[in-house]
Amino acid sequence: MEIKEFIENFADQFDDTDASEFTPETVFHELEEYSSLIALSIIAMVDEEYNVTLKGDDMRAAVTIQDLFNTVKAKAE
């Protein structure tokens, strides 16, 4: 599992946010387009792509995309 691929999959959940805004350090909760619906899309994408079940608490606890990636990676092992 690579952070670059994870960021690409993560960015695909957003329609109006430019892909260049997504880096490991991006605080995704502060993105203008971020909403509970996007959060559900991210949870579904992680389940489909990485076979990892995220909970709402996991989404709330993660500040940056790197944090979320680390959570997914830890749960995948």
PDB file of N, CA and C in Angstrom:
ATOM      1  N   MET A   1       0.848  -1.180   0.000  1.00  0.00           N
ATOM      2  CA  MET A   1       0.000   0.000   0.000  1.00  0.00           C
ATOM      3  C   MET A   1       0.891   1.240   0.000  1.00  0.00           C
ATOM      4  N   GLU A   2       0.665   2.101  -0.973  1.00  0.00           N
ATOM      5  CA  GLU A   2       1.474   3.312  -1.135  1.00  0.00           C
ATOM      6  C   GLU A   2       0.646   4.553  -0.859  1.00  0.00           C
ATOM      7  N   ILE A   3       1.254   5.546  -0.220  1.00  0.00           N
ATOM      8  CA  ILE A   3       0.560   6.801   0.091  1.00  0.00           C
ATOM      9  C   ILE A   3       0.122   7.514  -1.189  1.00  0.00           C
ATOM     10  N   LYS A   4       0.945   7.454  -2.240  1.00  0.00           N
ATOM     11  CA  LYS A   4       0.604   8.137  -3.495  1.00  0.00           C
ATOM     12  C   LYS A   4      -0.705   7.591  -4.073  1.00  0.00           C
ATOM     13  N   GLU A   5      -0.833   6.277  -4.118  1.00  0.00           N
ATOM     14  CA  GLU A   5      -2.051   5.636  -4.631  1.00  0.00           C
ATOM     15  C   GLU A   5      -3.244   5.966  -3.729  1.00  0.00           C
ATOM     16  N   PHE A   6      -3.018   5.950  -2.409  1.00  0.00           N
ATOM     17  CA  PHE A   6      -4.086   6.256  -1.461  1.00  0.00           C
ATOM     18  C   PHE A   6      -4.605   7.679  -1.683  1.00  0.00           C
ATOM     19  N   ILE A   7      -3.699   8.619  -1.891  1.00  0.00           N
ATOM     20  CA  ILE A   7      -4.096  10.016  -2.119  1.00  0.00           C
ATOM     21  C   ILE A   7      -4.894  10.138  -3.415  1.00  0.00           C
ATOM     22  N   GLU A   8      -4.482   9.415  -4.457  1.00  0.00           N
ATOM     23  CA  GLU A   8      -5.233   9.449  -5.720  1.00  0.00           C
ATOM     24  C   GLU A   8      -6.645   8.918  -5.522  1.00  0.00           C
ATOM     25  N   ASN A   9      -6.785   7.807  -4.816  1.00  0.00           N
ATOM     26  CA  ASN A   9      -8.111   7.243  -4.530  1.00  0.00           C
ATOM     27  C   ASN A   9      -8.926   8.189  -3.652  1.00  0.00           C
ATOM     28  N   PHE A  10      -8.261   8.802  -2.682  1.00  0.00           N
ATOM     29  CA  PHE A  10      -8.908   9.757  -1.781  1.00  0.00           C
ATOM     30  C   PHE A  10      -9.420  10.955  -2.589  1.00  0.00           C
ATOM     31  N   ALA A  11      -8.572  11.499  -3.448  1.00  0.00           N
ATOM     32  CA  ALA A  11      -8.928  12.678  -4.249  1.00  0.00           C
ATOM     33  C   ALA A  11     -10.083  12.384  -5.199  1.00  0.00           C
ATOM     34  N   ASP A  12     -10.197  11.143  -5.648  1.00  0.00           N
ATOM     35  CA  ASP A  12     -11.280  10.762  -6.561  1.00  0.00           C
ATOM     36  C   ASP A  12     -12.666  10.919  -5.923  1.00  0.00           C
ATOM     37  N   GLN A  13     -12.729  11.007  -4.614  1.00  0.00           N
ATOM     38  CA  GLN A  13     -14.017  11.152  -3.932  1.00  0.00           C
ATOM     39  C   GLN A  13     -14.527  12.598  -3.978  1.00  0.00           C
ATOM     40  N   PHE A  14     -13.682  13.493  -4.398  1.00  0.00           N
ATOM     41  CA  PHE A  14     -14.027  14.917  -4.466  1.00  0.00           C
ATOM     42  C   PHE A  14     -14.249  15.326  -5.917  1.00  0.00           C
ATOM     43  N   ASP A  15     -15.327  16.061  -6.190  1.00  0.00           N
ATOM     44  CA  ASP A  15     -15.636  16.485  -7.560  1.00  0.00           C
ATOM     45  C   ASP A  15     -15.027  17.836  -7.908  1.00  0.00           C
ATOM     46  N   ASP A  16     -15.035  18.757  -6.957  1.00  0.00           N
ATOM     47  CA  ASP A  16     -14.681  20.146  -7.255  1.00  0.00           C
ATOM     48  C   ASP A  16     -13.333  20.601  -6.711  1.00  0.00           C
ATOM     49  N   THR A  17     -12.651  19.766  -5.953  1.00  0.00           N
ATOM     50  CA  THR A  17     -11.371  20.146  -5.366  1.00  0.00           C
ATOM     51  C   THR A  17     -10.241  19.679  -6.279  1.00  0.00           C
ATOM     52  N   ASP A  18      -9.339  20.591  -6.618  1.00  0.00           N
ATOM     53  CA  ASP A  18      -8.230  20.265  -7.511  1.00  0.00           C
ATOM     54  C   ASP A  18      -7.322  19.210  -6.877  1.00  0.00           C
ATOM     55  N   ALA A  19      -6.891  18.261  -7.694  1.00  0.00           N
ATOM     56  CA  ALA A  19      -6.055  17.154  -7.200  1.00  0.00           C
ATOM     57  C   ALA A  19      -4.757  17.638  -6.568  1.00  0.00           C
ATOM     58  N   SER A  20      -4.274  18.815  -6.985  1.00  0.00           N
ATOM     59  CA  SER A  20      -3.022  19.339  -6.432  1.00  0.00           C
ATOM     60  C   SER A  20      -3.151  19.723  -4.957  1.00  0.00           C
ATOM     61  N   GLU A  21      -4.364  19.846  -4.461  1.00  0.00           N
ATOM     62  CA  GLU A  21      -4.578  20.207  -3.050  1.00  0.00           C
ATOM     63  C   GLU A  21      -4.378  19.024  -2.105  1.00  0.00           C
ATOM     64  N   PHE A  22      -4.298  17.826  -2.667  1.00  0.00           N
ATOM     65  CA  PHE A  22      -4.202  16.635  -1.838  1.00  0.00           C
ATOM     66  C   PHE A  22      -2.753  16.193  -1.688  1.00  0.00           C
ATOM     67  N   THR A  23      -2.244  16.304  -0.460  1.00  0.00           N
ATOM     68  CA  THR A  23      -0.903  15.847  -0.106  1.00  0.00           C
ATOM     69  C   THR A  23      -1.028  15.075   1.205  1.00  0.00           C
ATOM     70  N   PRO A  24       0.019  14.377   1.629  1.00  0.00           N
ATOM     71  CA  PRO A  24      -0.076  13.690   2.924  1.00  0.00           C
ATOM     72  C   PRO A  24      -0.403  14.642   4.080  1.00  0.00           C
ATOM     73  N   GLU A  25      -0.003  15.912   3.952  1.00  0.00           N
ATOM     74  CA  GLU A  25      -0.197  16.881   5.041  1.00  0.00           C
ATOM     75  C   GLU A  25      -1.544  17.608   4.972  1.00  0.00           C
ATOM     76  N   THR A  26      -2.349  17.321   3.944  1.00  0.00           N
ATOM     77  CA  THR A  26      -3.637  18.002   3.794  1.00  0.00           C
ATOM     78  C   THR A  26      -4.554  17.690   4.979  1.00  0.00           C
ATOM     79  N   VAL A  27      -5.065  18.744   5.614  1.00  0.00           N
ATOM     80  CA  VAL A  27      -6.052  18.601   6.683  1.00  0.00           C
ATOM     81  C   VAL A  27      -7.407  18.532   5.983  1.00  0.00           C
ATOM     82  N   PHE A  28      -7.844  17.293   5.707  1.00  0.00           N
ATOM     83  CA  PHE A  28      -8.988  17.112   4.815  1.00  0.00           C
ATOM     84  C   PHE A  28     -10.312  17.614   5.385  1.00  0.00           C
ATOM     85  N   HIS A  29     -10.444  17.674   6.704  1.00  0.00           N
ATOM     86  CA  HIS A  29     -11.682  18.192   7.318  1.00  0.00           C
ATOM     87  C   HIS A  29     -11.888  19.668   6.974  1.00  0.00           C
ATOM     88  N   GLU A  30     -10.818  20.376   6.655  1.00  0.00           N
ATOM     89  CA  GLU A  30     -10.905  21.812   6.372  1.00  0.00           C
ATOM     90  C   GLU A  30     -11.151  22.115   4.893  1.00  0.00           C
ATOM     91  N   LEU A  31     -11.142  21.089   4.045  1.00  0.00           N
ATOM     92  CA  LEU A  31     -11.415  21.316   2.632  1.00  0.00           C
ATOM     93  C   LEU A  31     -12.866  21.780   2.470  1.00  0.00           C
ATOM     94  N   GLU A  32     -13.061  22.764   1.619  1.00  0.00           N
ATOM     95  CA  GLU A  32     -14.391  23.347   1.445  1.00  0.00           C
ATOM     96  C   GLU A  32     -15.428  22.308   1.037  1.00  0.00           C
ATOM     97  N   GLU A  33     -15.029  21.382   0.200  1.00  0.00           N
ATOM     98  CA  GLU A  33     -15.962  20.385  -0.326  1.00  0.00           C
ATOM     99  C   GLU A  33     -16.230  19.238   0.646  1.00  0.00           C
ATOM    100  N   TYR A  34     -15.414  19.086   1.672  1.00  0.00           N
ATOM    101  CA  TYR A  34     -15.557  17.956   2.603  1.00  0.00           C
ATOM    102  C   TYR A  34     -16.897  18.018   3.329  1.00  0.00           C
ATOM    103  N   SER A  35     -17.571  16.876   3.380  1.00  0.00           N
ATOM    104  CA  SER A  35     -18.866  16.792   4.062  1.00  0.00           C
ATOM    105  C   SER A  35     -19.045  15.368   4.586  1.00  0.00           C
ATOM    106  N   SER A  36     -20.136  15.132   5.280  1.00  0.00           N
ATOM    107  CA  SER A  36     -20.408  13.787   5.781  1.00  0.00           C
ATOM    108  C   SER A  36     -20.609  12.812   4.620  1.00  0.00           C
ATOM    109  N   LEU A  37     -21.154  13.299   3.513  1.00  0.00           N
ATOM    110  CA  LEU A  37     -21.344  12.445   2.346  1.00  0.00           C
ATOM    111  C   LEU A  37     -19.993  12.031   1.747  1.00  0.00           C
ATOM    112  N   ILE A  38     -19.053  12.974   1.693  1.00  0.00           N
ATOM    113  CA  ILE A  38     -17.694  12.657   1.216  1.00  0.00           C
ATOM    114  C   ILE A  38     -17.041  11.661   2.175  1.00  0.00           C
ATOM    115  N   ALA A  39     -17.243  11.858   3.474  1.00  0.00           N
ATOM    116  CA  ALA A  39     -16.681  10.931   4.463  1.00  0.00           C
ATOM    117  C   ALA A  39     -17.188   9.508   4.216  1.00  0.00           C
ATOM    118  N   LEU A  40     -18.475   9.383   3.925  1.00  0.00           N
ATOM    119  CA  LEU A  40     -19.037   8.062   3.634  1.00  0.00           C
ATOM    120  C   LEU A  40     -18.434   7.488   2.342  1.00  0.00           C
ATOM    121  N   SER A  41     -18.202   8.336   1.363  1.00  0.00           N
ATOM    122  CA  SER A  41     -17.565   7.894   0.112  1.00  0.00           C
ATOM    123  C   SER A  41     -16.152   7.385   0.373  1.00  0.00           C
ATOM    124  N   ILE A  42     -15.430   8.092   1.245  1.00  0.00           N
ATOM    125  CA  ILE A  42     -14.060   7.678   1.590  1.00  0.00           C
ATOM    126  C   ILE A  42     -14.089   6.335   2.320  1.00  0.00           C
ATOM    127  N   ILE A  43     -15.018   6.185   3.257  1.00  0.00           N
ATOM    128  CA  ILE A  43     -15.154   4.919   3.991  1.00  0.00           C
ATOM    129  C   ILE A  43     -15.444   3.776   3.012  1.00  0.00           C
ATOM    130  N   ALA A  44     -16.346   4.017   2.051  1.00  0.00           N
ATOM    131  CA  ALA A  44     -16.687   2.993   1.055  1.00  0.00           C
ATOM    132  C   ALA A  44     -15.485   2.678   0.161  1.00  0.00           C
ATOM    133  N   MET A  45     -14.745   3.713  -0.241  1.00  0.00           N
ATOM    134  CA  MET A  45     -13.565   3.511  -1.093  1.00  0.00           C
ATOM    135  C   MET A  45     -12.514   2.672  -0.361  1.00  0.00           C
ATOM    136  N   VAL A  46     -12.281   2.977   0.914  1.00  0.00           N
ATOM    137  CA  VAL A  46     -11.288   2.228   1.700  1.00  0.00           C
ATOM    138  C   VAL A  46     -11.709   0.768   1.829  1.00  0.00           C
ATOM    139  N   ASP A  47     -13.007   0.538   2.041  1.00  0.00           N
ATOM    140  CA  ASP A  47     -13.522  -0.830   2.143  1.00  0.00           C
ATOM    141  C   ASP A  47     -13.316  -1.574   0.832  1.00  0.00           C
ATOM    142  N   GLU A  48     -13.633  -0.909  -0.291  1.00  0.00           N
ATOM    143  CA  GLU A  48     -13.538  -1.540  -1.603  1.00  0.00           C
ATOM    144  C   GLU A  48     -12.086  -1.754  -2.047  1.00  0.00           C
ATOM    145  N   GLU A  49     -11.260  -0.721  -1.907  1.00  0.00           N
ATOM    146  CA  GLU A  49      -9.883  -0.776  -2.424  1.00  0.00           C
ATOM    147  C   GLU A  49      -8.923  -1.533  -1.507  1.00  0.00           C
ATOM    148  N   TYR A  50      -9.123  -1.414  -0.201  1.00  0.00           N
ATOM    149  CA  TYR A  50      -8.136  -1.946   0.759  1.00  0.00           C
ATOM    150  C   TYR A  50      -8.706  -3.024   1.684  1.00  0.00           C
ATOM    151  N   ASN A  51     -10.003  -3.314   1.522  1.00  0.00           N
ATOM    152  CA  ASN A  51     -10.667  -4.322   2.352  1.00  0.00           C
ATOM    153  C   ASN A  51     -10.514  -4.025   3.838  1.00  0.00           C
ATOM    154  N   VAL A  52     -10.644  -2.738   4.177  1.00  0.00           N
ATOM    155  CA  VAL A  52     -10.514  -2.269   5.559  1.00  0.00           C
ATOM    156  C   VAL A  52     -11.799  -1.525   5.923  1.00  0.00           C
ATOM    157  N   THR A  53     -12.354  -1.834   7.087  1.00  0.00           N
ATOM    158  CA  THR A  53     -13.569  -1.168   7.544  1.00  0.00           C
ATOM    159  C   THR A  53     -13.193  -0.010   8.463  1.00  0.00           C
ATOM    160  N   LEU A  54     -13.515   1.196   8.008  1.00  0.00           N
ATOM    161  CA  LEU A  54     -13.302   2.389   8.832  1.00  0.00           C
ATOM    162  C   LEU A  54     -14.603   2.756   9.526  1.00  0.00           C
ATOM    163  N   LYS A  55     -14.475   3.327  10.701  1.00  0.00           N
ATOM    164  CA  LYS A  55     -15.638   3.827  11.437  1.00  0.00           C
ATOM    165  C   LYS A  55     -15.603   5.357  11.417  1.00  0.00           C
ATOM    166  N   GLY A  56     -16.715   5.964  11.766  1.00  0.00           N
ATOM    167  CA  GLY A  56     -16.774   7.417  11.849  1.00  0.00           C
ATOM    168  C   GLY A  56     -15.724   7.968  12.792  1.00  0.00           C
ATOM    169  N   ASP A  57     -15.463   7.236  13.878  1.00  0.00           N
ATOM    170  CA  ASP A  57     -14.445   7.673  14.844  1.00  0.00           C
ATOM    171  C   ASP A  57     -13.061   7.729  14.209  1.00  0.00           C
ATOM    172  N   ASP A  58     -12.791   6.785  13.294  1.00  0.00           N
ATOM    173  CA  ASP A  58     -11.501   6.779  12.591  1.00  0.00           C
ATOM    174  C   ASP A  58     -11.379   8.033  11.730  1.00  0.00           C
ATOM    175  N   MET A  59     -12.463   8.398  11.067  1.00  0.00           N
ATOM    176  CA  MET A  59     -12.462   9.597  10.218  1.00  0.00           C
ATOM    177  C   MET A  59     -12.267  10.852  11.066  1.00  0.00           C
ATOM    178  N   ARG A  60     -12.953  10.913  12.202  1.00  0.00           N
ATOM    179  CA  ARG A  60     -12.844  12.096  13.075  1.00  0.00           C
ATOM    180  C   ARG A  60     -11.470  12.199  13.726  1.00  0.00           C
ATOM    181  N   ALA A  61     -10.867  11.056  14.040  1.00  0.00           N
ATOM    182  CA  ALA A  61      -9.564  11.051  14.722  1.00  0.00           C
ATOM    183  C   ALA A  61      -8.427  11.457  13.778  1.00  0.00           C
ATOM    184  N   ALA A  62      -8.585  11.183  12.495  1.00  0.00           N
ATOM    185  CA  ALA A  62      -7.545  11.514  11.523  1.00  0.00           C
ATOM    186  C   ALA A  62      -7.614  13.004  11.200  1.00  0.00           C
ATOM    187  N   VAL A  63      -6.476  13.662  11.285  1.00  0.00           N
ATOM    188  CA  VAL A  63      -6.412  15.091  10.969  1.00  0.00           C
ATOM    189  C   VAL A  63      -5.983  15.285   9.521  1.00  0.00           C
ATOM    190  N   THR A  64      -4.933  14.573   9.134  1.00  0.00           N
ATOM    191  CA  THR A  64      -4.399  14.710   7.775  1.00  0.00           C
ATOM    192  C   THR A  64      -4.670  13.428   6.981  1.00  0.00           C
ATOM    193  N   ILE A  65      -4.456  13.497   5.682  1.00  0.00           N
ATOM    194  CA  ILE A  65      -4.589  12.302   4.845  1.00  0.00           C
ATOM    195  C   ILE A  65      -3.580  11.252   5.295  1.00  0.00           C
ATOM    196  N   GLN A  66      -2.385  11.685   5.700  1.00  0.00           N
ATOM    197  CA  GLN A  66      -1.368  10.747   6.211  1.00  0.00           C
ATOM    198  C   GLN A  66      -1.890  10.001   7.432  1.00  0.00           C
ATOM    199  N   ASP A  67      -2.571  10.702   8.341  1.00  0.00           N
ATOM    200  CA  ASP A  67      -3.143  10.051   9.529  1.00  0.00           C
ATOM    201  C   ASP A  67      -4.122   8.948   9.123  1.00  0.00           C
ATOM    202  N   LEU A  68      -4.985   9.275   8.170  1.00  0.00           N
ATOM    203  CA  LEU A  68      -5.976   8.300   7.716  1.00  0.00           C
ATOM    204  C   LEU A  68      -5.292   7.123   7.032  1.00  0.00           C
ATOM    205  N   PHE A  69      -4.294   7.417   6.214  1.00  0.00           N
ATOM    206  CA  PHE A  69      -3.508   6.364   5.558  1.00  0.00           C
ATOM    207  C   PHE A  69      -2.884   5.429   6.602  1.00  0.00           C
ATOM    208  N   ASN A  70      -2.311   6.006   7.638  1.00  0.00           N
ATOM    209  CA  ASN A  70      -1.682   5.203   8.705  1.00  0.00           C
ATOM    210  C   ASN A  70      -2.705   4.311   9.387  1.00  0.00           C
ATOM    211  N   THR A  71      -3.917   4.820   9.611  1.00  0.00           N
ATOM    212  CA  THR A  71      -4.989   4.032  10.225  1.00  0.00           C
ATOM    213  C   THR A  71      -5.368   2.870   9.324  1.00  0.00           C
ATOM    214  N   VAL A  72      -5.552   3.161   8.044  1.00  0.00           N
ATOM    215  CA  VAL A  72      -5.911   2.115   7.077  1.00  0.00           C
ATOM    216  C   VAL A  72      -4.817   1.065   7.000  1.00  0.00           C
ATOM    217  N   LYS A  73      -3.578   1.506   6.939  1.00  0.00           N
ATOM    218  CA  LYS A  73      -2.440   0.578   6.847  1.00  0.00           C
ATOM    219  C   LYS A  73      -2.369  -0.315   8.087  1.00  0.00           C
ATOM    220  N   ALA A  74      -2.570   0.274   9.263  1.00  0.00           N
ATOM    221  CA  ALA A  74      -2.522  -0.503  10.507  1.00  0.00           C
ATOM    222  C   ALA A  74      -3.653  -1.551  10.553  1.00  0.00           C
ATOM    223  N   LYS A  75      -4.819  -1.171  10.097  1.00  0.00           N
ATOM    224  CA  LYS A  75      -5.958  -2.097  10.116  1.00  0.00           C
ATOM    225  C   LYS A  75      -5.824  -3.186   9.052  1.00  0.00           C
ATOM    226  N   ALA A  76      -5.055  -2.910   8.006  1.00  0.00           N
ATOM    227  CA  ALA A  76      -4.888  -3.870   6.911  1.00  0.00           C
ATOM    228  C   ALA A  76      -3.929  -5.000   7.299  1.00  0.00           C
ATOM    229  N   GLU A  77      -3.107  -4.755   8.286  1.00  0.00           N
ATOM    230  CA  GLU A  77      -2.093  -5.746   8.667  1.00  0.00           C
ATOM    231  C   GLU A  77      -2.668  -6.825   9.558  1.00  0.00           C
TER     232      GLU A  77
END
